[in-house]
Structures are given as structure tokens and as C-alpha cells.
Amino acid sequence: MKFLLKVIAGILLTVSLAQADEPAPDVLIRETVQDVLAVIKKDKSIQNGDQKKIVALVEGKILPHFDFVRMTRLAVGKSWRTATPEQKQALVQEFHTLLVRTYAKVFAVYRDQVVEVKPFRMAADATEVTVKTSINKSGVQPVLVDYEMIHTPEGWKAFDVIIEGVSMVTSYRGTFASEINQGGIERLIKVLADKNAASANEPLQKADSK
């Protein structure tokens, strides 16, 4: 019994230490943004619109902090429950690719914007929070961007981005529902796959101007 208690105590201590090392959600957003902008400012090829480097930056620095399964499930809505495991996997993958492209377009036109993370407080036992930020540029109105975040075993992850009051997940939900109503989950997967394939051959600057 004493040995079992020691094992349990050791596990609890390990979990506590891991949580202590885990960055708070606002710190995670701030550090990620600072890291990404520092790379952009140093890399002339990214500043000139190098598509491969921008996509690699998004994949390596930003998207690991997103919960894609949750995002996809929320965007698909009630139809997620009837999708097969294979369909769910395909949906998550295509939605992931779609978001890579979305963020890559943002950084393709980045110049001298400054991202400000707003003051943040949360309860000690909070599992879902909103981190508010603004993208500031001299001479233009700031763009308000909020990150809806959830605590997971891997740390804090974003599951929605709200830009000027408009939820990315909610926006996609309407589009996804329309495709599902016309041809089911398989149609939605095909539409996303076709869109991603077409976007892959389209310059980021051109795509952003549409």
C-alpha cells in the first residue's frame, strides 16, 4: 500500500510540474506572435512573398497551437456525429490545409503591423478562455482578433478565431452545411479538397487580393 501511495504521489507531482511549466493562454499567444513576427522581420524571402517559406512558418509556428479536431467538429456541426472515422479524418486534414492557406495569405501581405495582447485574467480552474488581441498599424483602424482557447492534455489550444466579431468557425459552418445538404459529408470533403488543390497553385499575394 505504501508503495502504491508513493507511485500515485510521484505521478501527481509530475503532472503538477508539467502544469507549472505550461504557459498561460495569453502568454502562449504573445510568445507565438512575437516569435513569428521576429522570423518575418529577419527573412527577406518571406517579406517578398516566398510561398513555401510562409507556409512552413505557419505550419511550424502557429498551427501546432490549434485544436483542429475540435475546430472541424464545431464547423461541421451536427453532421459530425454521423460521419465515419475515415470521413472525420479527411475533414480534419482538409480543414487543416484550408487554415494553413488562410494564415499564409495573412503573412504574405504583412508589413509593419504590431500585435497587442490585451490584459488577461482567468480563474485558476478555467478550461476555456478568450484571449483578446488587436493588430495595430499606424494610420489605420486596429483589427480586433480574439482567440477562443481550450485546455488540453497538450496544453492550451485555440479552437476558434474571431475577427472583428465574426467567428471563423461559425462562418465556415454555414458554408459546410450548404455543401452537406447538397451531397452529404462526401461532397463537403470533395469541395474542400478541390479548393485546397486549386489554392496550392495560386500565388498567395493574388489569392489575398480576391
Protein backbone atom coordinates (compact mmCIF):
# COMPACT_ATOMS: atom_id res chain seq x y z
CA MET A 1 0.00 0.00 0.00
CA LYS A 2 2.82 2.43 0.88
CA PHE A 3 4.50 1.68 -2.45
CA LEU A 4 1.24 2.38 -4.31
CA LEU A 5 0.81 5.70 -2.49
CA LYS A 6 4.36 6.70 -3.41
CA VAL A 7 3.69 5.88 -7.06
CA ILE A 8 0.48 7.96 -7.03
CA ALA A 9 2.28 10.84 -5.31
CA GLY A 10 5.03 10.71 -7.92
CA ILE A 11 2.50 10.83 -10.76
CA LEU A 12 0.69 13.79 -9.18
CA LEU A 13 3.99 15.61 -8.69
CA THR A 14 4.93 15.04 -12.33
CA VAL A 15 1.57 16.38 -13.51
CA SER A 16 1.89 19.42 -11.23
CA LEU A 17 5.37 20.21 -12.53
CA ALA A 18 4.20 19.86 -16.12
CA GLN A 19 1.32 22.27 -15.46
CA ALA A 20 3.68 24.72 -13.78
CA ASP A 21 5.89 24.79 -16.89
CA GLU A 22 2.90 25.23 -19.19
CA PRO A 23 2.46 28.81 -20.48
CA ALA A 24 -0.80 30.60 -19.73
CA PRO A 25 -3.02 31.11 -22.80
CA ASP A 26 -2.24 34.83 -23.16
CA VAL A 27 1.48 34.15 -22.75
CA LEU A 28 1.26 31.42 -25.40
CA ILE A 29 -0.41 33.80 -27.86
CA ARG A 30 2.05 36.61 -27.12
CA GLU A 31 5.14 34.41 -27.42
CA THR A 32 3.88 32.78 -30.62
CA VAL A 33 3.13 36.13 -32.23
CA GLN A 34 6.48 37.58 -31.20
CA ASP A 35 8.30 34.51 -32.50
CA VAL A 36 6.52 34.62 -35.86
CA LEU A 37 6.97 38.36 -36.37
CA ALA A 38 10.65 38.10 -35.46
CA VAL A 39 11.13 35.47 -38.18
CA ILE A 40 9.29 37.61 -40.74
CA LYS A 41 11.35 40.71 -39.94
CA LYS A 42 14.60 38.82 -40.42
CA ASP A 43 13.68 36.78 -43.51
CA LYS A 44 13.70 38.85 -46.70
CA SER A 45 12.34 35.98 -48.80
CA ILE A 46 9.25 35.77 -46.57
CA GLN A 47 8.83 39.54 -46.85
CA ASN A 48 8.98 39.15 -50.63
CA GLY A 49 6.21 36.53 -50.57
CA ASP A 50 8.14 33.24 -50.71
CA GLN A 51 5.18 30.84 -50.66
CA LYS A 52 7.00 27.75 -49.39
CA LYS A 53 8.66 29.62 -46.53
CA ILE A 54 5.42 31.31 -45.47
CA VAL A 55 3.54 28.01 -45.43
CA ALA A 56 6.39 26.36 -43.49
CA LEU A 57 6.30 29.21 -40.97
CA VAL A 58 2.57 28.82 -40.45
CA GLU A 59 2.83 25.03 -40.16
CA GLY A 60 5.76 25.14 -37.76
CA LYS A 61 4.99 28.10 -35.52
CA ILE A 62 1.24 28.72 -35.50
CA LEU A 63 -0.91 25.70 -36.28
CA PRO A 64 0.59 23.40 -33.61
CA HIS A 65 -1.31 25.60 -31.15
CA PHE A 66 -4.71 24.84 -32.72
CA ASP A 67 -7.13 22.03 -31.83
CA PHE A 68 -8.12 21.00 -35.35
CA VAL A 69 -10.41 18.15 -34.35
CA ARG A 70 -12.49 20.46 -32.17
CA MET A 71 -12.47 23.22 -34.79
CA THR A 72 -13.59 20.85 -37.53
CA ARG A 73 -16.27 19.28 -35.35
CA LEU A 74 -17.71 22.69 -34.50
CA ALA A 75 -17.59 23.85 -38.12
CA VAL A 76 -19.27 20.69 -39.45
CA GLY A 77 -21.93 20.83 -36.74
CA LYS A 78 -24.48 18.08 -36.15
CA SER A 79 -23.39 16.13 -39.25
CA TRP A 80 -20.10 15.34 -37.49
CA ARG A 81 -21.91 12.73 -35.37
CA THR A 82 -22.92 10.67 -38.40
CA ALA A 83 -19.58 10.88 -40.21
CA THR A 84 -17.41 7.76 -40.31
CA PRO A 85 -13.96 7.79 -38.68
CA GLU A 86 -12.41 7.95 -42.16
CA GLN A 87 -14.61 10.91 -43.12
CA LYS A 88 -13.75 12.72 -39.89
CA GLN A 89 -10.05 12.21 -40.54
CA ALA A 90 -10.42 13.53 -44.10
CA LEU A 91 -12.40 16.56 -42.91
CA VAL A 92 -9.80 17.44 -40.27
CA GLN A 93 -6.99 17.15 -42.81
CA GLU A 94 -8.73 19.30 -45.43
CA PHE A 95 -9.74 21.91 -42.85
CA HIS A 96 -6.15 21.98 -41.60
CA THR A 97 -4.91 22.61 -45.16
CA LEU A 98 -7.55 25.31 -45.62
CA LEU A 99 -6.39 27.14 -42.49
CA VAL A 100 -2.74 26.86 -43.50
CA ARG A 101 -3.63 28.74 -46.66
CA THR A 102 -5.75 31.29 -44.78
CA TYR A 103 -2.92 32.19 -42.40
CA ALA A 104 -0.31 32.11 -45.16
CA LYS A 105 -2.29 34.76 -47.06
CA VAL A 106 -2.27 36.96 -43.96
CA PHE A 107 1.52 36.83 -43.62
CA ALA A 108 2.09 37.21 -47.35
CA VAL A 109 0.91 40.82 -47.05
CA TYR A 110 2.44 41.50 -43.62
CA ARG A 111 4.46 44.70 -43.46
CA ASP A 112 4.82 46.59 -40.18
CA GLN A 113 1.79 45.64 -38.13
CA VAL A 114 2.12 45.30 -34.35
CA VAL A 115 0.06 42.72 -32.45
CA GLU A 116 -1.07 43.71 -28.95
CA VAL A 117 -2.33 41.09 -26.49
CA LYS A 118 -4.92 42.68 -24.23
CA PRO A 119 -4.76 42.41 -20.39
CA PHE A 120 -5.95 38.96 -19.39
CA ARG A 121 -7.23 37.27 -16.23
CA MET A 122 -8.70 33.83 -15.72
CA ALA A 123 -9.90 31.59 -12.90
CA ALA A 124 -7.43 29.02 -11.62
CA ASP A 125 -9.71 26.15 -12.71
CA ALA A 126 -10.68 27.62 -16.10
CA THR A 127 -10.63 25.19 -19.03
CA GLU A 128 -11.92 27.56 -21.74
CA VAL A 129 -10.88 31.20 -22.14
CA THR A 130 -10.83 34.05 -24.64
CA VAL A 131 -7.58 35.87 -25.38
CA LYS A 132 -8.19 39.27 -26.96
CA THR A 133 -5.67 40.90 -29.28
CA SER A 134 -5.53 43.76 -31.75
CA ILE A 135 -3.46 44.16 -34.89
CA ASN A 136 -2.24 47.75 -34.99
CA LYS A 137 -0.78 49.73 -37.87
CA SER A 138 -0.09 53.43 -37.96
CA GLY A 139 -2.78 55.40 -39.77
CA VAL A 140 -5.42 52.66 -39.90
CA GLN A 141 -8.07 51.33 -37.54
CA PRO A 142 -6.87 48.41 -35.35
CA VAL A 143 -8.20 44.98 -36.27
CA LEU A 144 -9.60 43.13 -33.25
CA VAL A 145 -8.80 39.41 -33.14
CA ASP A 146 -9.93 37.10 -30.32
CA TYR A 147 -8.75 33.53 -29.77
CA GLU A 148 -11.12 31.04 -28.16
CA MET A 149 -8.91 28.56 -26.33
CA ILE A 150 -9.36 25.27 -24.50
CA HIS A 151 -7.06 23.43 -22.13
CA THR A 152 -5.98 20.03 -23.45
CA PRO A 153 -3.51 17.38 -22.25
CA GLU A 154 -1.01 19.03 -24.63
CA GLY A 155 -1.58 22.50 -23.19
CA TRP A 156 -3.74 25.42 -24.31
CA LYS A 157 -5.05 25.21 -27.87
CA ALA A 158 -7.09 27.64 -29.97
CA PHE A 159 -10.33 26.28 -31.43
CA ASP A 160 -11.78 29.44 -32.96
CA VAL A 161 -10.59 32.84 -34.17
CA ILE A 162 -12.97 35.78 -34.03
CA ILE A 163 -12.03 38.69 -36.29
CA GLU A 164 -13.93 41.94 -35.75
CA GLY A 165 -16.71 39.97 -34.05
CA VAL A 166 -17.00 37.34 -36.77
CA SER A 167 -16.22 33.75 -35.78
CA MET A 168 -14.15 31.76 -38.27
CA VAL A 169 -15.81 28.51 -37.17
CA THR A 170 -19.32 29.96 -37.45
CA SER A 171 -18.55 31.39 -40.89
CA TYR A 172 -17.41 28.02 -42.17
CA ARG A 173 -20.36 26.25 -40.53
CA GLY A 174 -22.84 27.92 -42.86
CA THR A 175 -20.81 27.06 -45.95
CA PHE A 176 -20.21 23.50 -44.79
CA ALA A 177 -23.90 22.96 -44.00
CA SER A 178 -24.84 24.07 -47.51
CA GLU A 179 -22.47 21.57 -49.11
CA ILE A 180 -23.60 18.75 -46.80
CA ASN A 181 -27.26 19.46 -47.59
CA GLN A 182 -26.50 19.14 -51.31
CA GLY A 183 -24.48 15.93 -51.22
CA GLY A 184 -23.60 14.78 -47.72
CA ILE A 185 -20.22 14.60 -46.00
CA GLU A 186 -18.52 13.19 -49.10
CA ARG A 187 -19.48 16.27 -51.10
CA LEU A 188 -18.04 18.56 -48.42
CA ILE A 189 -14.77 16.61 -48.39
CA LYS A 190 -14.53 16.83 -52.19
CA VAL A 191 -15.30 20.56 -52.24
CA LEU A 192 -12.63 21.24 -49.62
CA ALA A 193 -10.10 19.01 -51.38
CA ASP A 194 -10.76 20.72 -54.73
CA LYS A 195 -10.49 24.17 -53.15
CA ASN A 196 -7.21 23.28 -51.45
CA ALA A 197 -5.77 21.79 -54.65
CA ALA A 198 -6.66 24.92 -56.62
CA SER A 199 -5.27 27.24 -53.94
CA ALA A 200 -1.98 25.35 -53.84
CA ASN A 201 -1.21 26.56 -57.37
CA GLU A 202 -2.31 30.14 -56.75
CA PRO A 203 0.17 32.82 -55.64
CA LEU A 204 -0.51 33.97 -52.08
CA GLN A 205 -0.50 37.67 -52.99
CA LYS A 206 -3.01 37.08 -55.77
CA ALA A 207 -5.20 34.94 -53.52
CA ASP A 208 -5.25 37.64 -50.86
CA SER A 209 -6.41 40.32 -53.26
CA LYS A 210 -9.60 38.48 -54.18
